[in-house]
């Protein structure tokens, strides 16, 4: 249920491993979002940019992509559990911005939330 996003340094490391130079991360988010939680990677959003000096394949080798067999029947229990957990996660991402907006209205503007 918890999506394990990397810390900000993780995004930068991914780009550097892929051959990019001059990698920069910029935090983005709505005006009411005043927090930065670097310790566990939760940031409202970020934009990562860099320059790739040479064209061609990435030096960051991931190996072959594993395709899901869509012809094979889906186990009903797996389907229902994915549906339930997906609905819980979606609810979290709807409730979180509402909670943060309310908190922004309550907490004084000089403090991070």
N, C-alpha and C. Protein backbone atom coordinates (compact mmCIF):
# COMPACT_ATOMS: atom_id res chain seq x y z
N UNK A 1 0.82 -1.19 0.00
CA UNK A 1 0.00 0.00 0.00
C UNK A 1 0.87 1.25 0.00
N UNK A 2 2.01 1.22 0.66
CA UNK A 2 2.89 2.37 0.71
C UNK A 2 3.82 2.33 -0.49
N UNK A 3 3.83 3.40 -1.24
CA UNK A 3 4.70 3.44 -2.42
C UNK A 3 6.07 3.93 -1.99
N UNK A 4 7.06 3.14 -2.21
CA UNK A 4 8.41 3.45 -1.73
C UNK A 4 9.16 4.29 -2.75
N UNK A 5 8.88 5.58 -2.76
CA UNK A 5 9.60 6.49 -3.63
C UNK A 5 10.99 6.70 -3.05
N UNK A 6 11.98 6.90 -3.89
CA UNK A 6 13.33 7.14 -3.36
C UNK A 6 13.44 8.53 -2.75
N UNK A 7 14.50 8.73 -2.00
CA UNK A 7 14.80 10.07 -1.51
C UNK A 7 15.22 10.92 -2.70
N UNK A 8 15.28 12.23 -2.52
CA UNK A 8 15.65 13.13 -3.61
C UNK A 8 17.00 12.74 -4.22
N UNK A 9 17.95 12.35 -3.39
CA UNK A 9 19.26 11.95 -3.89
C UNK A 9 19.17 10.73 -4.79
N UNK A 10 18.18 9.89 -4.55
CA UNK A 10 17.99 8.69 -5.37
C UNK A 10 17.65 9.03 -6.81
N UNK A 11 16.78 10.03 -7.00
CA UNK A 11 16.43 10.45 -8.35
C UNK A 11 17.67 10.98 -9.09
N UNK A 12 18.45 11.78 -8.38
CA UNK A 12 19.66 12.35 -8.97
C UNK A 12 20.64 11.24 -9.35
N UNK A 13 20.78 10.25 -8.47
CA UNK A 13 21.68 9.13 -8.74
C UNK A 13 21.22 8.34 -9.97
N UNK A 14 19.90 8.12 -10.12
CA UNK A 14 19.39 7.41 -11.29
C UNK A 14 19.80 8.12 -12.58
N UNK A 15 19.64 9.45 -12.61
CA UNK A 15 19.98 10.20 -13.81
C UNK A 15 21.48 10.13 -14.08
N UNK A 16 22.29 10.25 -13.05
CA UNK A 16 23.74 10.18 -13.24
C UNK A 16 24.15 8.80 -13.73
N UNK A 17 23.54 7.74 -13.19
CA UNK A 17 23.84 6.38 -13.64
C UNK A 17 23.42 6.16 -15.08
N UNK A 18 22.42 6.91 -15.55
CA UNK A 18 21.96 6.79 -16.93
C UNK A 18 22.79 7.62 -17.89
N UNK A 19 23.83 8.30 -17.40
CA UNK A 19 24.74 9.04 -18.27
C UNK A 19 24.47 10.53 -18.37
N UNK A 20 23.59 11.06 -17.55
CA UNK A 20 23.30 12.49 -17.60
C UNK A 20 24.31 13.27 -16.77
N UNK A 21 24.61 14.47 -17.20
CA UNK A 21 25.50 15.39 -16.49
C UNK A 21 24.70 16.61 -16.07
N UNK A 22 25.23 17.36 -15.13
CA UNK A 22 24.58 18.59 -14.65
C UNK A 22 23.13 18.32 -14.25
N UNK A 23 22.93 17.29 -13.43
CA UNK A 23 21.59 16.87 -13.01
C UNK A 23 21.10 17.80 -11.90
N UNK A 24 19.85 18.27 -12.06
CA UNK A 24 19.24 19.18 -11.08
C UNK A 24 17.85 18.69 -10.73
N UNK A 25 17.46 18.85 -9.48
CA UNK A 25 16.13 18.48 -9.01
C UNK A 25 15.42 19.74 -8.52
N UNK A 26 14.21 19.93 -8.96
CA UNK A 26 13.41 21.06 -8.50
C UNK A 26 12.12 20.52 -7.90
N UNK A 27 11.82 20.94 -6.69
CA UNK A 27 10.57 20.52 -6.05
C UNK A 27 9.40 21.30 -6.63
N UNK A 28 8.32 20.60 -6.90
CA UNK A 28 7.12 21.25 -7.41
C UNK A 28 5.92 20.78 -6.59
N UNK A 29 4.90 21.60 -6.54
CA UNK A 29 3.70 21.23 -5.81
C UNK A 29 2.77 22.41 -5.69
N UNK A 30 1.61 22.17 -5.14
CA UNK A 30 0.63 23.26 -4.98
C UNK A 30 1.10 24.29 -3.96
N UNK A 31 0.50 25.47 -4.01
CA UNK A 31 0.91 26.57 -3.12
C UNK A 31 0.74 26.22 -1.65
N UNK A 32 -0.25 25.39 -1.32
CA UNK A 32 -0.49 25.08 0.09
C UNK A 32 0.53 24.10 0.65
N UNK A 33 1.34 23.46 -0.19
CA UNK A 33 2.30 22.47 0.30
C UNK A 33 3.59 23.17 0.71
N UNK A 34 3.85 23.20 2.01
CA UNK A 34 5.03 23.90 2.52
C UNK A 34 6.05 22.94 3.12
N UNK A 35 5.81 21.67 3.11
CA UNK A 35 6.71 20.72 3.76
C UNK A 35 7.69 20.09 2.79
N UNK A 36 8.83 19.70 3.31
CA UNK A 36 9.79 18.89 2.56
C UNK A 36 10.21 17.79 3.52
N UNK A 37 9.99 16.57 3.11
CA UNK A 37 10.29 15.44 3.99
C UNK A 37 11.34 14.57 3.33
N UNK A 38 12.58 15.01 3.38
CA UNK A 38 13.67 14.30 2.70
C UNK A 38 13.98 12.96 3.35
N UNK A 39 13.71 12.81 4.65
CA UNK A 39 14.16 11.60 5.35
C UNK A 39 13.49 10.34 4.83
N UNK A 40 12.26 10.39 4.36
CA UNK A 40 11.63 9.18 3.84
C UNK A 40 11.17 9.34 2.40
N UNK A 41 11.63 10.39 1.73
CA UNK A 41 11.39 10.51 0.30
C UNK A 41 10.07 11.14 -0.09
N UNK A 42 9.19 11.47 0.87
CA UNK A 42 7.90 12.03 0.50
C UNK A 42 8.05 13.51 0.16
N UNK A 43 7.90 13.80 -1.09
CA UNK A 43 7.84 15.18 -1.56
C UNK A 43 6.61 15.26 -2.45
N UNK A 44 6.01 16.42 -2.54
CA UNK A 44 4.78 16.51 -3.32
C UNK A 44 5.04 16.18 -4.79
N UNK A 45 6.14 16.61 -5.30
CA UNK A 45 6.50 16.31 -6.68
C UNK A 45 7.86 16.91 -6.98
N UNK A 46 8.48 16.41 -8.01
CA UNK A 46 9.77 16.96 -8.37
C UNK A 46 9.98 16.84 -9.87
N UNK A 47 10.83 17.70 -10.36
CA UNK A 47 11.24 17.69 -11.74
C UNK A 47 12.75 17.48 -11.75
N UNK A 48 13.20 16.47 -12.48
CA UNK A 48 14.63 16.18 -12.56
C UNK A 48 15.07 16.43 -13.99
N UNK A 49 16.10 17.24 -14.15
CA UNK A 49 16.62 17.55 -15.47
C UNK A 49 18.12 17.31 -15.51
N UNK A 50 18.63 17.11 -16.71
CA UNK A 50 20.05 16.91 -16.89
C UNK A 50 20.39 16.95 -18.36
N UNK A 51 21.67 16.91 -18.65
CA UNK A 51 22.15 16.95 -20.03
C UNK A 51 22.84 15.61 -20.31
N UNK A 52 22.43 14.98 -21.42
CA UNK A 52 23.09 13.74 -21.82
C UNK A 52 24.07 14.09 -22.93
N UNK A 53 25.38 14.07 -22.64
CA UNK A 53 26.37 14.53 -23.60
C UNK A 53 26.49 13.66 -24.85
N UNK A 54 26.18 12.38 -24.74
CA UNK A 54 26.31 11.48 -25.88
C UNK A 54 24.98 10.80 -26.16
N UNK A 55 24.65 10.65 -27.43
CA UNK A 55 23.42 9.94 -27.76
C UNK A 55 23.68 8.44 -27.66
N UNK A 56 22.62 7.68 -27.69
CA UNK A 56 22.77 6.23 -27.67
C UNK A 56 22.14 5.63 -26.44
N UNK A 57 22.42 4.35 -26.26
CA UNK A 57 21.84 3.62 -25.14
C UNK A 57 22.37 4.13 -23.81
N UNK A 58 21.55 3.94 -22.79
CA UNK A 58 21.94 4.33 -21.44
C UNK A 58 22.99 3.35 -20.91
N UNK A 59 23.99 3.86 -20.19
CA UNK A 59 24.95 2.95 -19.56
C UNK A 59 24.35 2.22 -18.36
N UNK A 60 23.15 2.62 -17.95
CA UNK A 60 22.47 2.02 -16.80
C UNK A 60 21.69 0.81 -17.30
N UNK A 61 22.29 -0.36 -17.27
CA UNK A 61 21.69 -1.56 -17.84
C UNK A 61 20.70 -2.19 -16.87
N UNK A 62 19.46 -2.32 -17.33
CA UNK A 62 18.42 -2.91 -16.49
C UNK A 62 18.13 -4.36 -16.85
N UNK A 63 18.58 -4.80 -17.99
CA UNK A 63 18.28 -6.16 -18.42
C UNK A 63 16.99 -6.19 -19.22
N UNK A 64 16.61 -7.36 -19.71
CA UNK A 64 15.41 -7.45 -20.53
C UNK A 64 14.14 -7.20 -19.71
N UNK A 65 13.16 -6.60 -20.36
CA UNK A 65 11.88 -6.32 -19.71
C UNK A 65 11.06 -7.60 -19.67
N UNK A 66 10.48 -7.89 -18.52
CA UNK A 66 9.64 -9.07 -18.37
C UNK A 66 8.21 -8.67 -18.69
N UNK A 67 7.64 -9.33 -19.67
CA UNK A 67 6.28 -9.03 -20.09
C UNK A 67 5.29 -9.87 -19.28
N UNK A 68 4.16 -9.27 -18.96
CA UNK A 68 3.10 -9.99 -18.27
C UNK A 68 2.30 -10.77 -19.32
N UNK A 69 2.01 -12.01 -19.01
CA UNK A 69 1.24 -12.84 -19.93
C UNK A 69 -0.24 -12.48 -19.81
N UNK A 70 -0.75 -11.72 -20.78
CA UNK A 70 -2.14 -11.26 -20.71
C UNK A 70 -3.12 -12.32 -21.20
N UNK A 71 -2.62 -13.39 -21.79
CA UNK A 71 -3.48 -14.47 -22.26
C UNK A 71 -3.88 -15.41 -21.12
N UNK A 72 -3.05 -15.46 -20.08
CA UNK A 72 -3.30 -16.35 -18.96
C UNK A 72 -4.43 -15.79 -18.10
N UNK A 73 -5.38 -16.62 -17.65
CA UNK A 73 -6.47 -16.11 -16.82
C UNK A 73 -5.96 -15.56 -15.49
N UNK A 74 -6.62 -14.52 -15.01
CA UNK A 74 -6.22 -13.86 -13.77
C UNK A 74 -6.90 -14.56 -12.59
N UNK A 75 -6.12 -14.81 -11.55
CA UNK A 75 -6.67 -15.39 -10.33
C UNK A 75 -7.65 -14.38 -9.72
N UNK A 76 -8.91 -14.77 -9.48
CA UNK A 76 -9.90 -13.82 -8.94
C UNK A 76 -9.48 -13.20 -7.60
N UNK A 77 -8.80 -13.97 -6.74
CA UNK A 77 -8.34 -13.41 -5.46
C UNK A 77 -7.30 -12.33 -5.67
N UNK A 78 -6.39 -12.55 -6.60
CA UNK A 78 -5.37 -11.55 -6.91
C UNK A 78 -6.03 -10.30 -7.47
N UNK A 79 -6.99 -10.49 -8.37
CA UNK A 79 -7.70 -9.35 -8.96
C UNK A 79 -8.42 -8.53 -7.89
N UNK A 80 -9.17 -9.20 -7.01
CA UNK A 80 -9.93 -8.49 -5.97
C UNK A 80 -8.98 -7.80 -4.99
N UNK A 81 -7.89 -8.47 -4.61
CA UNK A 81 -6.95 -7.84 -3.68
C UNK A 81 -6.29 -6.62 -4.30
N UNK A 82 -5.92 -6.70 -5.59
CA UNK A 82 -5.35 -5.53 -6.27
C UNK A 82 -6.37 -4.39 -6.35
N UNK A 83 -7.62 -4.74 -6.61
CA UNK A 83 -8.68 -3.74 -6.68
C UNK A 83 -8.86 -3.05 -5.33
N UNK A 84 -8.91 -3.82 -4.26
CA UNK A 84 -9.11 -3.25 -2.92
C UNK A 84 -7.92 -2.37 -2.53
N UNK A 85 -6.70 -2.90 -2.69
CA UNK A 85 -5.52 -2.10 -2.33
C UNK A 85 -5.39 -0.87 -3.21
N UNK A 86 -5.71 -0.98 -4.47
CA UNK A 86 -5.67 0.18 -5.37
C UNK A 86 -6.67 1.24 -4.95
N UNK A 87 -7.86 0.81 -4.53
CA UNK A 87 -8.88 1.77 -4.07
C UNK A 87 -8.43 2.46 -2.78
N UNK A 88 -7.79 1.71 -1.89
CA UNK A 88 -7.28 2.30 -0.64
C UNK A 88 -6.20 3.32 -0.96
N UNK A 89 -5.28 2.97 -1.85
CA UNK A 89 -4.22 3.91 -2.23
C UNK A 89 -4.78 5.15 -2.90
N UNK A 90 -5.76 4.98 -3.77
CA UNK A 90 -6.36 6.12 -4.45
C UNK A 90 -7.05 7.03 -3.45
N UNK A 91 -7.73 6.45 -2.48
CA UNK A 91 -8.38 7.24 -1.44
C UNK A 91 -7.36 8.06 -0.66
N UNK A 92 -6.22 7.44 -0.35
CA UNK A 92 -5.15 8.14 0.37
C UNK A 92 -4.70 9.37 -0.41
N UNK A 93 -4.54 9.23 -1.73
CA UNK A 93 -4.05 10.35 -2.53
C UNK A 93 -5.11 11.40 -2.80
N UNK A 94 -6.36 11.10 -2.46
CA UNK A 94 -7.40 12.13 -2.50
C UNK A 94 -7.49 12.82 -1.15
N UNK A 95 -7.39 12.04 -0.08
CA UNK A 95 -7.53 12.60 1.27
C UNK A 95 -6.30 13.42 1.66
N UNK A 96 -5.10 12.99 1.27
CA UNK A 96 -3.88 13.71 1.65
C UNK A 96 -3.88 15.18 1.22
N UNK A 97 -4.19 15.52 -0.04
CA UNK A 97 -4.21 16.94 -0.40
C UNK A 97 -5.28 17.74 0.35
N UNK A 98 -6.42 17.11 0.61
CA UNK A 98 -7.47 17.80 1.37
C UNK A 98 -6.97 18.09 2.79
N UNK A 99 -6.36 17.10 3.41
CA UNK A 99 -5.80 17.26 4.75
C UNK A 99 -4.74 18.36 4.77
N UNK A 100 -3.83 18.34 3.76
CA UNK A 100 -2.77 19.34 3.73
C UNK A 100 -3.33 20.74 3.48
N UNK A 101 -4.38 20.86 2.67
CA UNK A 101 -5.00 22.17 2.43
C UNK A 101 -5.61 22.70 3.73
N UNK A 102 -6.31 21.84 4.46
CA UNK A 102 -6.91 22.25 5.74
C UNK A 102 -5.81 22.67 6.71
N UNK A 103 -4.74 21.89 6.77
CA UNK A 103 -3.62 22.20 7.66
C UNK A 103 -2.99 23.54 7.28
N UNK A 104 -2.91 23.84 5.98
CA UNK A 104 -2.37 25.12 5.51
C UNK A 104 -3.23 26.28 6.00
N UNK A 105 -4.53 26.06 6.11
CA UNK A 105 -5.42 27.11 6.58
C UNK A 105 -5.27 27.35 8.08
N UNK A 106 -4.83 26.33 8.81
CA UNK A 106 -4.74 26.41 10.27
C UNK A 106 -3.35 26.85 10.74
N UNK A 107 -2.29 26.28 10.16
CA UNK A 107 -0.91 26.55 10.60
C UNK A 107 -0.45 27.89 10.05
N UNK A 108 0.23 28.67 10.88
CA UNK A 108 0.70 29.98 10.44
C UNK A 108 1.65 29.86 9.25
N UNK A 109 1.63 30.83 8.37
CA UNK A 109 2.34 30.75 7.08
C UNK A 109 3.87 30.68 7.19
N UNK A 110 4.46 31.07 8.30
CA UNK A 110 5.91 31.05 8.44
C UNK A 110 6.47 29.68 8.77
N UNK A 111 5.62 28.72 9.11
CA UNK A 111 6.08 27.39 9.54
C UNK A 111 5.85 26.35 8.46
N UNK A 112 6.75 25.35 8.41
CA UNK A 112 6.50 24.22 7.49
C UNK A 112 5.50 23.28 8.13
N UNK A 113 4.77 22.58 7.29
CA UNK A 113 3.78 21.64 7.81
C UNK A 113 4.24 20.23 7.56
